[in-house]
Amino acid sequence: MSEVTCALPLELMALLRELGEPAPMVKECVVIELYRRGLLSSGKAAALLGMNRVAFIHYTGRLGIPFVRMTGDEWEEEARHVQELDRS
């Protein structure tokens, strides 16, 4: 695994240390942000954080990051399909 060193303001490091060991928290933030941007799959992100995929999806959901990402048009199309299924 590669390592990255970055300079953080002392007050930010103090806040991170209050929460625990900074390195795992920074790694989690990076992985979650890459997932949020659609650059990592939920499975890959979960594996990087040592979690199973379902737990990761629930965790990111609690953080307000949706698992299903659809545009308004996609939601409308999906709703039309559901209505068609209800009629048949």
PDB file of N, CA and C in Angstrom:
ATOM      1  N   MET A   1       0.855  -1.175   0.000  1.00  0.00           N
ATOM      2  CA  MET A   1       0.000   0.000   0.000  1.00  0.00           C
ATOM      3  C   MET A   1       0.898   1.234   0.000  1.00  0.00           C
ATOM      4  N   SER A   2       0.474   2.277  -0.682  1.00  0.00           N
ATOM      5  CA  SER A   2       1.217   3.531  -0.735  1.00  0.00           C
ATOM      6  C   SER A   2       0.838   4.415   0.444  1.00  0.00           C
ATOM      7  N   GLU A   3       1.741   5.322   0.766  1.00  0.00           N
ATOM      8  CA  GLU A   3       1.473   6.296   1.819  1.00  0.00           C
ATOM      9  C   GLU A   3       1.542   7.691   1.234  1.00  0.00           C
ATOM     10  N   VAL A   4       0.714   8.568   1.773  1.00  0.00           N
ATOM     11  CA  VAL A   4       0.693   9.964   1.370  1.00  0.00           C
ATOM     12  C   VAL A   4       0.881  10.798   2.619  1.00  0.00           C
ATOM     13  N   THR A   5       1.691  11.814   2.505  1.00  0.00           N
ATOM     14  CA  THR A   5       1.876  12.745   3.607  1.00  0.00           C
ATOM     15  C   THR A   5       1.276  14.075   3.198  1.00  0.00           C
ATOM     16  N   CYS A   6       0.480  14.658   4.079  1.00  0.00           N
ATOM     17  CA  CYS A   6      -0.073  15.973   3.777  1.00  0.00           C
ATOM     18  C   CYS A   6       0.017  16.848   5.016  1.00  0.00           C
ATOM     19  N   ALA A   7       0.181  18.122   4.781  1.00  0.00           N
ATOM     20  CA  ALA A   7       0.268  19.091   5.869  1.00  0.00           C
ATOM     21  C   ALA A   7      -1.135  19.569   6.209  1.00  0.00           C
ATOM     22  N   LEU A   8      -1.493  19.465   7.478  1.00  0.00           N
ATOM     23  CA  LEU A   8      -2.792  19.930   7.956  1.00  0.00           C
ATOM     24  C   LEU A   8      -2.568  20.969   9.043  1.00  0.00           C
ATOM     25  N   PRO A   9      -3.441  21.955   9.122  1.00  0.00           N
ATOM     26  CA  PRO A   9      -3.322  22.946  10.196  1.00  0.00           C
ATOM     27  C   PRO A   9      -3.380  22.261  11.563  1.00  0.00           C
ATOM     28  N   LEU A  10      -2.673  22.817  12.517  1.00  0.00           N
ATOM     29  CA  LEU A  10      -2.616  22.224  13.856  1.00  0.00           C
ATOM     30  C   LEU A  10      -4.006  22.065  14.469  1.00  0.00           C
ATOM     31  N   GLU A  11      -4.885  23.044  14.247  1.00  0.00           N
ATOM     32  CA  GLU A  11      -6.221  22.944  14.854  1.00  0.00           C
ATOM     33  C   GLU A  11      -7.018  21.794  14.248  1.00  0.00           C
ATOM     34  N   LEU A  12      -6.823  21.507  12.967  1.00  0.00           N
ATOM     35  CA  LEU A  12      -7.491  20.367  12.347  1.00  0.00           C
ATOM     36  C   LEU A  12      -6.941  19.059  12.905  1.00  0.00           C
ATOM     37  N   MET A  13      -5.635  18.976  13.056  1.00  0.00           N
ATOM     38  CA  MET A  13      -5.034  17.774  13.636  1.00  0.00           C
ATOM     39  C   MET A  13      -5.516  17.562  15.070  1.00  0.00           C
ATOM     40  N   ALA A  14      -5.655  18.650  15.820  1.00  0.00           N
ATOM     41  CA  ALA A  14      -6.143  18.533  17.198  1.00  0.00           C
ATOM     42  C   ALA A  14      -7.560  17.971  17.215  1.00  0.00           C
ATOM     43  N   LEU A  15      -8.417  18.443  16.308  1.00  0.00           N
ATOM     44  CA  LEU A  15      -9.782  17.924  16.227  1.00  0.00           C
ATOM     45  C   LEU A  15      -9.783  16.447  15.857  1.00  0.00           C
ATOM     46  N   LEU A  16      -8.963  16.081  14.886  1.00  0.00           N
ATOM     47  CA  LEU A  16      -8.896  14.677  14.480  1.00  0.00           C
ATOM     48  C   LEU A  16      -8.412  13.797  15.626  1.00  0.00           C
ATOM     49  N   ARG A  17      -7.419  14.263  16.350  1.00  0.00           N
ATOM     50  CA  ARG A  17      -6.888  13.468  17.472  1.00  0.00           C
ATOM     51  C   ARG A  17      -7.916  13.294  18.580  1.00  0.00           C
ATOM     52  N   GLU A  18      -8.797  14.284  18.745  1.00  0.00           N
ATOM     53  CA  GLU A  18      -9.869  14.149  19.746  1.00  0.00           C
ATOM     54  C   GLU A  18     -10.790  12.980  19.398  1.00  0.00           C
ATOM     55  N   LEU A  19     -10.918  12.703  18.113  1.00  0.00           N
ATOM     56  CA  LEU A  19     -11.797  11.625  17.658  1.00  0.00           C
ATOM     57  C   LEU A  19     -11.100  10.275  17.612  1.00  0.00           C
ATOM     58  N   GLY A  20      -9.799  10.260  17.692  1.00  0.00           N
ATOM     59  CA  GLY A  20      -9.050   9.009  17.622  1.00  0.00           C
ATOM     60  C   GLY A  20      -7.816   9.160  16.758  1.00  0.00           C
ATOM     61  N   GLU A  21      -7.397   8.076  16.167  1.00  0.00           N
ATOM     62  CA  GLU A  21      -6.224   8.074  15.293  1.00  0.00           C
ATOM     63  C   GLU A  21      -6.566   8.745  13.966  1.00  0.00           C
ATOM     64  N   PRO A  22      -5.854   9.810  13.582  1.00  0.00           N
ATOM     65  CA  PRO A  22      -6.203  10.552  12.360  1.00  0.00           C
ATOM     66  C   PRO A  22      -6.091   9.762  11.060  1.00  0.00           C
ATOM     67  N   ALA A  23      -5.083   8.929  10.895  1.00  0.00           N
ATOM     68  CA  ALA A  23      -4.862   8.266   9.599  1.00  0.00           C
ATOM     69  C   ALA A  23      -6.067   7.462   9.116  1.00  0.00           C
ATOM     70  N   PRO A  24      -6.676   6.605   9.940  1.00  0.00           N
ATOM     71  CA  PRO A  24      -7.848   5.856   9.457  1.00  0.00           C
ATOM     72  C   PRO A  24      -9.030   6.761   9.111  1.00  0.00           C
ATOM     73  N   MET A  25      -9.187   7.852   9.853  1.00  0.00           N
ATOM     74  CA  MET A  25     -10.290   8.769   9.564  1.00  0.00           C
ATOM     75  C   MET A  25     -10.079   9.478   8.231  1.00  0.00           C
ATOM     76  N   VAL A  26      -8.842   9.871   7.960  1.00  0.00           N
ATOM     77  CA  VAL A  26      -8.548  10.534   6.685  1.00  0.00           C
ATOM     78  C   VAL A  26      -8.759   9.551   5.544  1.00  0.00           C
ATOM     79  N   LYS A  27      -8.316   8.303   5.717  1.00  0.00           N
ATOM     80  CA  LYS A  27      -8.520   7.285   4.685  1.00  0.00           C
ATOM     81  C   LYS A  27     -10.011   7.094   4.419  1.00  0.00           C
ATOM     82  N   GLU A  28     -10.808   7.001   5.487  1.00  0.00           N
ATOM     83  CA  GLU A  28     -12.255   6.831   5.334  1.00  0.00           C
ATOM     84  C   GLU A  28     -12.862   8.005   4.582  1.00  0.00           C
ATOM     85  N   CYS A  29     -12.450   9.212   4.910  1.00  0.00           N
ATOM     86  CA  CYS A  29     -12.987  10.393   4.227  1.00  0.00           C
ATOM     87  C   CYS A  29     -12.659  10.371   2.739  1.00  0.00           C
ATOM     88  N   VAL A  30     -11.443   9.986   2.401  1.00  0.00           N
ATOM     89  CA  VAL A  30     -11.036   9.934   0.992  1.00  0.00           C
ATOM     90  C   VAL A  30     -11.844   8.871   0.252  1.00  0.00           C
ATOM     91  N   VAL A  31     -11.951   7.687   0.825  1.00  0.00           N
ATOM     92  CA  VAL A  31     -12.692   6.596   0.180  1.00  0.00           C
ATOM     93  C   VAL A  31     -14.156   6.983  -0.005  1.00  0.00           C
ATOM     94  N   ILE A  32     -14.773   7.535   1.019  1.00  0.00           N
ATOM     95  CA  ILE A  32     -16.185   7.912   0.926  1.00  0.00           C
ATOM     96  C   ILE A  32     -16.387   9.016  -0.114  1.00  0.00           C
ATOM     97  N   GLU A  33     -15.479   9.961  -0.172  1.00  0.00           N
ATOM     98  CA  GLU A  33     -15.616  11.030  -1.169  1.00  0.00           C
ATOM     99  C   GLU A  33     -15.451  10.486  -2.585  1.00  0.00           C
ATOM    100  N   LEU A  34     -14.534   9.570  -2.789  1.00  0.00           N
ATOM    101  CA  LEU A  34     -14.374   8.963  -4.114  1.00  0.00           C
ATOM    102  C   LEU A  34     -15.615   8.160  -4.498  1.00  0.00           C
ATOM    103  N   TYR A  35     -16.207   7.482  -3.524  1.00  0.00           N
ATOM    104  CA  TYR A  35     -17.458   6.757  -3.772  1.00  0.00           C
ATOM    105  C   TYR A  35     -18.581   7.741  -4.105  1.00  0.00           C
ATOM    106  N   ARG A  36     -18.687   8.818  -3.318  1.00  0.00           N
ATOM    107  CA  ARG A  36     -19.740   9.818  -3.535  1.00  0.00           C
ATOM    108  C   ARG A  36     -19.650  10.412  -4.937  1.00  0.00           C
ATOM    109  N   ARG A  37     -18.437  10.584  -5.424  1.00  0.00           N
ATOM    110  CA  ARG A  37     -18.225  11.146  -6.767  1.00  0.00           C
ATOM    111  C   ARG A  37     -18.404  10.116  -7.872  1.00  0.00           C
ATOM    112  N   GLY A  38     -18.636   8.867  -7.497  1.00  0.00           N
ATOM    113  CA  GLY A  38     -18.833   7.814  -8.488  1.00  0.00           C
ATOM    114  C   GLY A  38     -17.549   7.246  -9.046  1.00  0.00           C
ATOM    115  N   LEU A  39     -16.430   7.491  -8.374  1.00  0.00           N
ATOM    116  CA  LEU A  39     -15.133   7.005  -8.846  1.00  0.00           C
ATOM    117  C   LEU A  39     -14.768   5.641  -8.278  1.00  0.00           C
ATOM    118  N   LEU A  40     -15.461   5.227  -7.219  1.00  0.00           N
ATOM    119  CA  LEU A  40     -15.288   3.897  -6.622  1.00  0.00           C
ATOM    120  C   LEU A  40     -16.650   3.235  -6.515  1.00  0.00           C
ATOM    121  N   SER A  41     -16.686   1.947  -6.759  1.00  0.00           N
ATOM    122  CA  SER A  41     -17.928   1.196  -6.545  1.00  0.00           C
ATOM    123  C   SER A  41     -18.130   0.992  -5.047  1.00  0.00           C
ATOM    124  N   SER A  42     -19.355   0.657  -4.671  1.00  0.00           N
ATOM    125  CA  SER A  42     -19.625   0.397  -3.250  1.00  0.00           C
ATOM    126  C   SER A  42     -18.830  -0.806  -2.758  1.00  0.00           C
ATOM    127  N   GLY A  43     -18.674  -1.808  -3.616  1.00  0.00           N
ATOM    128  CA  GLY A  43     -17.910  -2.994  -3.222  1.00  0.00           C
ATOM    129  C   GLY A  43     -16.446  -2.683  -2.996  1.00  0.00           C
ATOM    130  N   LYS A  44     -15.843  -1.916  -3.896  1.00  0.00           N
ATOM    131  CA  LYS A  44     -14.428  -1.567  -3.770  1.00  0.00           C
ATOM    132  C   LYS A  44     -14.214  -0.659  -2.567  1.00  0.00           C
ATOM    133  N   ALA A  45     -15.096   0.321  -2.396  1.00  0.00           N
ATOM    134  CA  ALA A  45     -14.981   1.226  -1.252  1.00  0.00           C
ATOM    135  C   ALA A  45     -15.108   0.452   0.058  1.00  0.00           C
ATOM    136  N   ALA A  46     -16.070  -0.460   0.116  1.00  0.00           N
ATOM    137  CA  ALA A  46     -16.255  -1.271   1.321  1.00  0.00           C
ATOM    138  C   ALA A  46     -15.004  -2.088   1.615  1.00  0.00           C
ATOM    139  N   ALA A  47     -14.448  -2.707   0.583  1.00  0.00           N
ATOM    140  CA  ALA A  47     -13.244  -3.523   0.769  1.00  0.00           C
ATOM    141  C   ALA A  47     -12.079  -2.679   1.277  1.00  0.00           C
ATOM    142  N   LEU A  48     -11.928  -1.481   0.736  1.00  0.00           N
ATOM    143  CA  LEU A  48     -10.846  -0.604   1.175  1.00  0.00           C
ATOM    144  C   LEU A  48     -10.980  -0.214   2.640  1.00  0.00           C
ATOM    145  N   LEU A  49     -12.214  -0.171   3.127  1.00  0.00           N
ATOM    146  CA  LEU A  49     -12.452   0.185   4.530  1.00  0.00           C
ATOM    147  C   LEU A  49     -12.633  -1.032   5.430  1.00  0.00           C
ATOM    148  N   GLY A  50     -12.483  -2.234   4.858  1.00  0.00           N
ATOM    149  CA  GLY A  50     -12.599  -3.448   5.659  1.00  0.00           C
ATOM    150  C   GLY A  50     -14.024  -3.740   6.103  1.00  0.00           C
ATOM    151  N   MET A  51     -14.999  -3.320   5.298  1.00  0.00           N
ATOM    152  CA  MET A  51     -16.412  -3.530   5.619  1.00  0.00           C
ATOM    153  C   MET A  51     -17.037  -4.422   4.558  1.00  0.00           C
ATOM    154  N   ASN A  52     -18.166  -5.031   4.890  1.00  0.00           N
ATOM    155  CA  ASN A  52     -18.895  -5.705   3.816  1.00  0.00           C
ATOM    156  C   ASN A  52     -19.723  -4.661   3.080  1.00  0.00           C
ATOM    157  N   ARG A  53     -20.124  -4.986   1.882  1.00  0.00           N
ATOM    158  CA  ARG A  53     -20.779  -4.020   1.000  1.00  0.00           C
ATOM    159  C   ARG A  53     -22.087  -3.492   1.579  1.00  0.00           C
ATOM    160  N   VAL A  54     -22.898  -4.364   2.149  1.00  0.00           N
ATOM    161  CA  VAL A  54     -24.188  -3.937   2.707  1.00  0.00           C
ATOM    162  C   VAL A  54     -23.973  -2.972   3.864  1.00  0.00           C
ATOM    163  N   ALA A  55     -23.026  -3.269   4.733  1.00  0.00           N
ATOM    164  CA  ALA A  55     -22.731  -2.371   5.853  1.00  0.00           C
ATOM    165  C   ALA A  55     -22.256  -1.015   5.336  1.00  0.00           C
ATOM    166  N   PHE A  56     -21.438  -1.021   4.290  1.00  0.00           N
ATOM    167  CA  PHE A  56     -20.949   0.219   3.708  1.00  0.00           C
ATOM    168  C   PHE A  56     -22.108   1.041   3.136  1.00  0.00           C
ATOM    169  N   ILE A  57     -23.014   0.396   2.422  1.00  0.00           N
ATOM    170  CA  ILE A  57     -24.160   1.095   1.834  1.00  0.00           C
ATOM    171  C   ILE A  57     -25.032   1.712   2.932  1.00  0.00           C
ATOM    172  N   HIS A  58     -25.254   0.974   4.015  1.00  0.00           N
ATOM    173  CA  HIS A  58     -26.035   1.509   5.135  1.00  0.00           C
ATOM    174  C   HIS A  58     -25.303   2.688   5.784  1.00  0.00           C
ATOM    175  N   TYR A  59     -24.000   2.535   5.972  1.00  0.00           N
ATOM    176  CA  TYR A  59     -23.198   3.586   6.610  1.00  0.00           C
ATOM    177  C   TYR A  59     -23.229   4.869   5.787  1.00  0.00           C
ATOM    178  N   THR A  60     -22.973   4.760   4.488  1.00  0.00           N
ATOM    179  CA  THR A  60     -22.976   5.957   3.658  1.00  0.00           C
ATOM    180  C   THR A  60     -24.386   6.540   3.529  1.00  0.00           C
ATOM    181  N   GLY A  61     -25.398   5.695   3.585  1.00  0.00           N
ATOM    182  CA  GLY A  61     -26.771   6.196   3.601  1.00  0.00           C
ATOM    183  C   GLY A  61     -27.031   7.058   4.819  1.00  0.00           C
ATOM    184  N   ARG A  62     -26.522   6.634   5.978  1.00  0.00           N
ATOM    185  CA  ARG A  62     -26.674   7.434   7.197  1.00  0.00           C
ATOM    186  C   ARG A  62     -25.922   8.756   7.080  1.00  0.00           C
ATOM    187  N   LEU A  63     -24.890   8.783   6.233  1.00  0.00           N
ATOM    188  CA  LEU A  63     -24.150  10.021   5.989  1.00  0.00           C
ATOM    189  C   LEU A  63     -24.824  10.902   4.934  1.00  0.00           C
ATOM    190  N   GLY A  64     -25.933  10.409   4.378  1.00  0.00           N
ATOM    191  CA  GLY A  64     -26.662  11.180   3.385  1.00  0.00           C
ATOM    192  C   GLY A  64     -26.207  10.949   1.957  1.00  0.00           C
ATOM    193  N   ILE A  65     -25.454   9.883   1.728  1.00  0.00           N
ATOM    194  CA  ILE A  65     -24.976   9.557   0.388  1.00  0.00           C
ATOM    195  C   ILE A  65     -25.857   8.439  -0.158  1.00  0.00           C
ATOM    196  N   PRO A  66     -26.653   8.726  -1.181  1.00  0.00           N
ATOM    197  CA  PRO A  66     -27.589   7.719  -1.691  1.00  0.00           C
ATOM    198  C   PRO A  66     -26.884   6.586  -2.422  1.00  0.00           C
ATOM    199  N   PHE A  67     -27.446   5.394  -2.314  1.00  0.00           N
ATOM    200  CA  PHE A  67     -26.922   4.246  -3.053  1.00  0.00           C
ATOM    201  C   PHE A  67     -27.390   4.297  -4.496  1.00  0.00           C
ATOM    202  N   VAL A  68     -28.659   4.640  -4.682  1.00  0.00           N
ATOM    203  CA  VAL A  68     -29.231   4.743  -6.024  1.00  0.00           C
ATOM    204  C   VAL A  68     -29.161   6.202  -6.445  1.00  0.00           C
ATOM    205  N   ARG A  69     -28.501   6.431  -7.549  1.00  0.00           N
ATOM    206  CA  ARG A  69     -28.368   7.795  -8.066  1.00  0.00           C
ATOM    207  C   ARG A  69     -29.067   7.867  -9.413  1.00  0.00           C
ATOM    208  N   MET A  70     -30.192   8.550  -9.409  1.00  0.00           N
ATOM    209  CA  MET A  70     -30.958   8.674 -10.642  1.00  0.00           C
ATOM    210  C   MET A  70     -31.345  10.134 -10.845  1.00  0.00           C
ATOM    211  N   THR A  71     -31.412  10.536 -12.100  1.00  0.00           N
ATOM    212  CA  THR A  71     -31.884  11.874 -12.419  1.00  0.00           C
ATOM    213  C   THR A  71     -33.400  11.915 -12.273  1.00  0.00           C
ATOM    214  N   GLY A  72     -33.957  13.109 -12.310  1.00  0.00           N
ATOM    215  CA  GLY A  72     -35.410  13.249 -12.261  1.00  0.00           C
ATOM    216  C   GLY A  72     -36.086  12.514 -13.401  1.00  0.00           C
ATOM    217  N   ASP A  73     -35.500  12.615 -14.594  1.00  0.00           N
ATOM    218  CA  ASP A  73     -36.060  11.906 -15.754  1.00  0.00           C
ATOM    219  C   ASP A  73     -36.031  10.391 -15.554  1.00  0.00           C
ATOM    220  N   GLU A  74     -34.946   9.904 -14.980  1.00  0.00           N
ATOM    221  CA  GLU A  74     -34.836   8.458 -14.740  1.00  0.00           C
ATOM    222  C   GLU A  74     -35.879   7.998 -13.724  1.00  0.00           C
ATOM    223  N   TRP A  75     -36.123   8.801 -12.676  1.00  0.00           N
ATOM    224  CA  TRP A  75     -37.135   8.465 -11.685  1.00  0.00           C
ATOM    225  C   TRP A  75     -38.527   8.432 -12.324  1.00  0.00           C
ATOM    226  N   GLU A  76     -38.807   9.402 -13.185  1.00  0.00           N
ATOM    227  CA  GLU A  76     -40.107   9.437 -13.858  1.00  0.00           C
ATOM    228  C   GLU A  76     -40.297   8.219 -14.752  1.00  0.00           C
ATOM    229  N   GLU A  77     -39.258   7.847 -15.476  1.00  0.00           N
ATOM    230  CA  GLU A  77     -39.334   6.660 -16.330  1.00  0.00           C
ATOM    231  C   GLU A  77     -39.564   5.409 -15.496  1.00  0.00           C
ATOM    232  N   GLU A  78     -38.861   5.319 -14.378  1.00  0.00           N
ATOM    233  CA  GLU A  78     -39.028   4.167 -13.485  1.00  0.00           C
ATOM    234  C   GLU A  78     -40.451   4.118 -12.944  1.00  0.00           C
ATOM    235  N   ALA A  79     -41.001   5.275 -12.580  1.00  0.00           N
ATOM    236  CA  ALA A  79     -42.378   5.330 -12.076  1.00  0.00           C
ATOM    237  C   ALA A  79     -43.362   4.872 -13.141  1.00  0.00           C
ATOM    238  N   ARG A  80     -43.134   5.253 -14.392  1.00  0.00           N
ATOM    239  CA  ARG A  80     -44.011   4.804 -15.484  1.00  0.00           C
ATOM    240  C   ARG A  80     -43.959   3.281 -15.621  1.00  0.00           C
ATOM    241  N   HIS A  81     -42.768   2.713 -15.497  1.00  0.00           N
ATOM    242  CA  HIS A  81     -42.635   1.251 -15.589  1.00  0.00           C
ATOM    243  C   HIS A  81     -43.394   0.561 -14.453  1.00  0.00           C
ATOM    244  N   VAL A  82     -43.307   1.108 -13.262  1.00  0.00           N
ATOM    245  CA  VAL A  82     -44.005   0.529 -12.110  1.00  0.00           C
ATOM    246  C   VAL A  82     -45.518   0.605 -12.330  1.00  0.00           C
ATOM    247  N   GLN A  83     -46.000   1.738 -12.824  1.00  0.00           N
ATOM    248  CA  GLN A  83     -47.431   1.886 -13.088  1.00  0.00           C
ATOM    249  C   GLN A  83     -47.891   0.883 -14.150  1.00  0.00           C
ATOM    250  N   GLU A  84     -47.076   0.664 -15.169  1.00  0.00           N
ATOM    251  CA  GLU A  84     -47.410  -0.322 -16.198  1.00  0.00           C
ATOM    252  C   GLU A  84     -47.486  -1.732 -15.602  1.00  0.00           C
ATOM    253  N   LEU A  85     -46.593  -2.031 -14.698  1.00  0.00           N
ATOM    254  CA  LEU A  85     -46.615  -3.352 -14.050  1.00  0.00           C
ATOM    255  C   LEU A  85     -47.862  -3.506 -13.184  1.00  0.00           C
ATOM    256  N   ASP A  86     -48.262  -2.434 -12.522  1.00  0.00           N
ATOM    257  CA  ASP A  86     -49.473  -2.482 -11.686  1.00  0.00           C
ATOM    258  C   ASP A  86     -50.718  -2.754 -12.523  1.00  0.00           C
ATOM    259  N   ARG A  87     -50.734  -2.254 -13.746  1.00  0.00           N
ATOM    260  CA  ARG A  87     -51.898  -2.414 -14.612  1.00  0.00           C
ATOM    261  C   ARG A  87     -51.995  -3.829 -15.190  1.00  0.00           C
ATOM    262  N   SER A  88     -50.885  -4.510 -15.277  1.00  0.00           N
ATOM    263  CA  SER A  88     -50.924  -5.848 -15.901  1.00  0.00           C
ATOM    264  C   SER A  88     -51.150  -6.961 -14.920  1.00  0.00           C
TER     265      SER A  88
END
